[in-house]
Amino acid sequence: MSSRVITLPNFLTVIRMVLIPVFVTLLVYQRYGWALFVFVAAGVTDGLDGLLARNLKQGSELGRILDPIADKLMLVTAFIALSQHNLLPHPLPRHFPIPFWVTAAVISRDIFIIVGAAAINIVTGFRGFRPSLLGKASTVVQVCAIILVLVAVHVPWVSGYVLPTVYATVFLLAIASGIHYVFHASRLLNEKQASSSES
C-alpha cells in the first residue's frame, strides 16, 4: 500500500466525486436519461479504479479512504435527490418519489457504521475494517435501485410492478447489513487481538 497521492485510480475516484453535482444538476433539469448515463459512468469508474489499483500496483492509503467515501456520497446523494417531489416529472409516476423511509434506512445504516467504526478506532486503535458480504449485497441492491428508478421514469411498467419490491429489498438489506456489521466488526477485532497476542 503506497502513500502516493497522484495515481490513476485516485484520479478516477476524484472524477466520480466530481460527477455527483453533475448528476444532481441533470436531475434538477429533468434530464433523466443523461442522469442515468452519469450514474452508470460513475459505477464504471468505481470498478475501474479497483482493477487498475491491483493490476498497476497503484493502491494507496488515500485511495483506500477516498474510494468508499465517493461511493457513499454518490449513493446517498442519489437517494436524497430522488426522494424530492420537485426533482421528478409531474404528474408523478406510480411509486414516486423514493419513499422517505427507504432513504432514511440507507443514510442511517451508513451513519451507524461510520460512527461505530470511528468509536472503535478511538477506543482500541483498530483500523482493519472490511465490508461484509451482506454489506456488499446491500450496496449492489442500492445501485440497482437507483438505476431502476431512473429507468422507471420512462418505462411505466417498471414503476408499477418492480419499484415496490425494490424499495422493500433496499430497506430490509440496509437494516440487516447494519445489524450484521456489529457482529462482523466484533469478529474482525477479536481476530486482530488474537493475532496480536500470538505474536
Protein backbone atom coordinates (compact mmCIF):
# COMPACT_ATOMS: atom_id res chain seq x y z
CA MET A 1 0.00 0.00 0.00
CA SER A 2 1.61 3.21 -1.22
CA SER A 3 1.47 6.72 0.22
CA ARG A 4 1.27 8.26 -3.26
CA VAL A 5 -1.48 10.78 -3.93
CA ILE A 6 -1.41 11.20 -7.71
CA THR A 7 -2.29 7.80 -9.16
CA LEU A 8 -4.67 6.77 -11.94
CA PRO A 9 -7.10 5.01 -9.54
CA ASN A 10 -7.20 8.11 -7.30
CA PHE A 11 -7.82 10.26 -10.37
CA LEU A 12 -10.82 8.08 -11.31
CA THR A 13 -12.13 8.33 -7.74
CA VAL A 14 -11.93 12.13 -7.91
CA ILE A 15 -13.77 12.07 -11.24
CA ARG A 16 -16.51 10.02 -9.57
CA MET A 17 -16.85 12.67 -6.86
CA VAL A 18 -16.95 15.44 -9.50
CA LEU A 19 -19.80 13.60 -11.24
CA ILE A 20 -22.02 13.93 -8.15
CA PRO A 21 -23.01 17.60 -8.71
CA VAL A 22 -23.33 16.86 -12.43
CA PHE A 23 -25.78 14.07 -11.63
CA VAL A 24 -27.87 16.32 -9.35
CA THR A 25 -27.87 19.15 -11.91
CA LEU A 26 -29.21 16.79 -14.57
CA LEU A 27 -31.99 15.71 -12.20
CA VAL A 28 -32.87 19.34 -11.48
CA TYR A 29 -33.28 19.96 -15.21
CA GLN A 30 -35.12 16.63 -15.56
CA ARG A 31 -32.59 15.10 -17.94
CA TYR A 32 -33.17 11.63 -16.57
CA GLY A 33 -31.52 9.76 -19.42
CA TRP A 34 -28.31 11.73 -19.01
CA ALA A 35 -28.55 11.39 -15.24
CA LEU A 36 -28.73 7.61 -15.69
CA PHE A 37 -25.71 7.74 -18.00
CA VAL A 38 -23.69 9.74 -15.44
CA PHE A 39 -24.68 7.38 -12.62
CA VAL A 40 -23.66 4.31 -14.63
CA ALA A 41 -20.42 6.06 -15.67
CA ALA A 42 -19.65 6.68 -12.00
CA GLY A 43 -20.20 2.98 -11.35
CA VAL A 44 -17.84 2.07 -14.18
CA THR A 45 -15.10 4.30 -12.73
CA ASP A 46 -15.65 2.56 -9.38
CA GLY A 47 -14.91 -0.81 -10.94
CA LEU A 48 -12.00 0.54 -12.97
CA ASP A 49 -10.16 2.21 -10.10
CA GLY A 50 -10.07 -1.01 -8.10
CA LEU A 51 -8.99 -3.01 -11.14
CA LEU A 52 -6.22 -0.54 -12.00
CA ALA A 53 -5.05 -0.31 -8.41
CA ARG A 54 -4.50 -4.07 -8.38
CA ASN A 55 -3.07 -4.53 -11.88
CA LEU A 56 -0.82 -1.46 -11.84
CA LYS A 57 0.06 -1.87 -8.17
CA GLN A 58 -1.14 1.67 -7.50
CA GLY A 59 -3.10 1.02 -4.34
CA SER A 60 -2.66 3.86 -1.85
CA GLU A 61 -3.77 4.88 1.62
CA LEU A 62 -5.56 7.89 0.13
CA GLY A 63 -7.40 5.71 -2.35
CA ARG A 64 -8.43 3.29 0.38
CA ILE A 65 -10.09 6.18 2.20
CA LEU A 66 -11.48 8.13 -0.77
CA ASP A 67 -12.99 5.19 -2.67
CA PRO A 68 -15.72 4.24 -0.16
CA ILE A 69 -16.38 7.93 0.56
CA ALA A 70 -17.00 8.59 -3.15
CA ASP A 71 -19.31 5.56 -3.37
CA LYS A 72 -21.36 6.57 -0.35
CA LEU A 73 -21.58 10.22 -1.41
CA MET A 74 -22.95 9.25 -4.82
CA LEU A 75 -25.47 6.76 -3.43
CA VAL A 76 -26.69 8.94 -0.56
CA THR A 77 -26.98 11.96 -2.87
CA ALA A 78 -28.96 9.90 -5.39
CA PHE A 79 -31.38 8.61 -2.76
CA ILE A 80 -31.91 12.07 -1.26
CA ALA A 81 -32.39 13.72 -4.67
CA LEU A 82 -34.82 11.07 -5.92
CA SER A 83 -36.83 11.41 -2.70
CA GLN A 84 -37.70 15.01 -3.64
CA HIS A 85 -41.00 15.63 -5.40
CA ASN A 86 -39.73 18.71 -7.24
CA LEU A 87 -36.93 16.80 -9.00
CA LEU A 88 -39.31 14.32 -10.64
CA PRO A 89 -41.71 14.69 -13.58
CA HIS A 90 -45.31 15.77 -12.97
CA PRO A 91 -47.71 14.18 -12.72
CA LEU A 92 -45.63 11.77 -10.65
CA PRO A 93 -45.45 8.18 -11.92
CA ARG A 94 -46.65 5.45 -9.59
CA HIS A 95 -44.48 4.80 -6.52
CA PHE A 96 -42.54 8.05 -6.97
CA PRO A 97 -40.56 9.59 -5.37
CA ILE A 98 -38.43 7.13 -3.39
CA PRO A 99 -40.20 6.82 -0.01
CA PHE A 100 -38.61 8.67 2.89
CA TRP A 101 -38.36 5.50 4.99
CA VAL A 102 -36.16 3.89 2.34
CA THR A 103 -33.79 6.86 2.13
CA ALA A 104 -33.71 7.16 5.92
CA ALA A 105 -32.71 3.49 6.24
CA VAL A 106 -29.89 3.89 3.69
CA ILE A 107 -28.48 7.00 5.38
CA SER A 108 -28.93 5.69 8.92
CA ARG A 109 -27.07 2.48 8.09
CA ASP A 110 -24.07 4.38 6.77
CA ILE A 111 -24.01 6.79 9.71
CA PHE A 112 -24.29 3.88 12.15
CA ILE A 113 -21.35 2.05 10.55
CA ILE A 114 -19.16 5.18 10.29
CA VAL A 115 -19.81 6.28 13.86
CA GLY A 116 -19.31 2.75 15.17
CA ALA A 117 -16.04 2.30 13.29
CA ALA A 118 -14.80 5.71 14.48
CA ALA A 119 -15.68 4.90 18.09
CA ILE A 120 -13.87 1.54 17.94
CA ASN A 121 -10.85 3.20 16.34
CA ILE A 122 -10.70 5.86 19.06
CA VAL A 123 -11.04 3.34 21.90
CA THR A 124 -8.88 0.49 20.56
CA GLY A 125 -6.88 1.96 17.67
CA PHE A 126 -8.24 -0.78 15.39
CA ARG A 127 -8.48 0.27 11.72
CA GLY A 128 -8.79 -3.05 9.88
CA PHE A 129 -12.46 -2.74 9.00
CA ARG A 130 -13.58 -4.56 5.87
CA PRO A 131 -17.02 -4.59 4.25
CA SER A 132 -19.11 -7.65 4.99
CA LEU A 133 -20.69 -9.81 2.29
CA LEU A 134 -24.13 -8.62 3.37
CA GLY A 135 -22.92 -5.03 3.24
CA LYS A 136 -21.65 -5.51 -0.32
CA ALA A 137 -25.00 -7.05 -1.29
CA SER A 138 -26.80 -4.06 0.21
CA THR A 139 -24.66 -1.64 -1.80
CA VAL A 140 -25.25 -3.56 -5.05
CA VAL A 141 -29.00 -3.53 -4.44
CA GLN A 142 -28.91 0.22 -3.76
CA VAL A 143 -27.07 0.85 -7.03
CA CYS A 144 -29.58 -1.29 -8.93
CA ALA A 145 -32.43 0.55 -7.21
CA ILE A 146 -31.24 3.96 -8.41
CA ILE A 147 -30.82 2.64 -11.95
CA LEU A 148 -34.33 1.13 -11.91
CA VAL A 149 -35.85 4.34 -10.53
CA LEU A 150 -34.30 6.36 -13.37
CA VAL A 151 -35.42 3.76 -15.93
CA ALA A 152 -38.94 3.77 -14.45
CA VAL A 153 -39.34 7.46 -15.28
CA HIS A 154 -39.70 6.42 -18.95
CA VAL A 155 -40.90 2.81 -18.54
CA PRO A 156 -44.22 2.80 -16.64
CA TRP A 157 -44.45 -0.95 -16.02
CA VAL A 158 -41.18 -0.82 -14.05
CA SER A 159 -42.71 1.82 -11.82
CA GLY A 160 -45.91 -0.11 -11.30
CA TYR A 161 -44.62 -3.61 -10.59
CA VAL A 162 -40.91 -3.51 -9.79
CA LEU A 163 -40.30 -0.46 -7.61
CA PRO A 164 -42.30 -1.55 -4.52
CA THR A 165 -40.24 -4.76 -4.35
CA VAL A 166 -37.03 -2.81 -4.90
CA TYR A 167 -37.86 -0.35 -2.10
CA ALA A 168 -38.64 -3.17 0.34
CA THR A 169 -35.44 -5.03 -0.58
CA VAL A 170 -33.27 -1.91 -0.14
CA PHE A 171 -34.86 -1.21 3.24
CA LEU A 172 -34.55 -4.76 4.59
CA LEU A 173 -30.95 -5.20 3.41
CA ALA A 174 -29.94 -1.82 4.84
CA ILE A 175 -31.31 -2.76 8.26
CA ALA A 176 -29.97 -6.33 8.16
CA SER A 177 -26.48 -5.32 7.00
CA GLY A 178 -26.29 -2.58 9.63
CA ILE A 179 -27.09 -5.03 12.41
CA HIS A 180 -24.82 -7.69 10.93
CA TYR A 181 -21.90 -5.25 10.82
CA VAL A 182 -21.89 -5.14 14.62
CA PHE A 183 -21.02 -8.84 14.70
CA HIS A 184 -18.72 -8.54 11.67
CA ALA A 185 -16.69 -5.73 13.29
CA SER A 186 -16.56 -7.63 16.57
CA ARG A 187 -15.17 -10.71 14.79
CA LEU A 188 -12.51 -8.63 12.98
CA LEU A 189 -11.50 -7.02 16.26
CA ASN A 190 -11.26 -10.39 18.03
CA GLU A 191 -9.14 -11.80 15.19
CA LYS A 192 -6.81 -8.82 15.45
CA GLN A 193 -6.47 -9.20 19.21
CA ALA A 194 -5.86 -12.96 18.87
CA SER A 195 -3.11 -12.46 16.27
CA SER A 196 -1.51 -9.74 18.41
CA SER A 197 -1.43 -11.99 21.46
CA GLU A 198 0.13 -14.85 19.46
CA SER A 199 2.89 -12.63 18.14
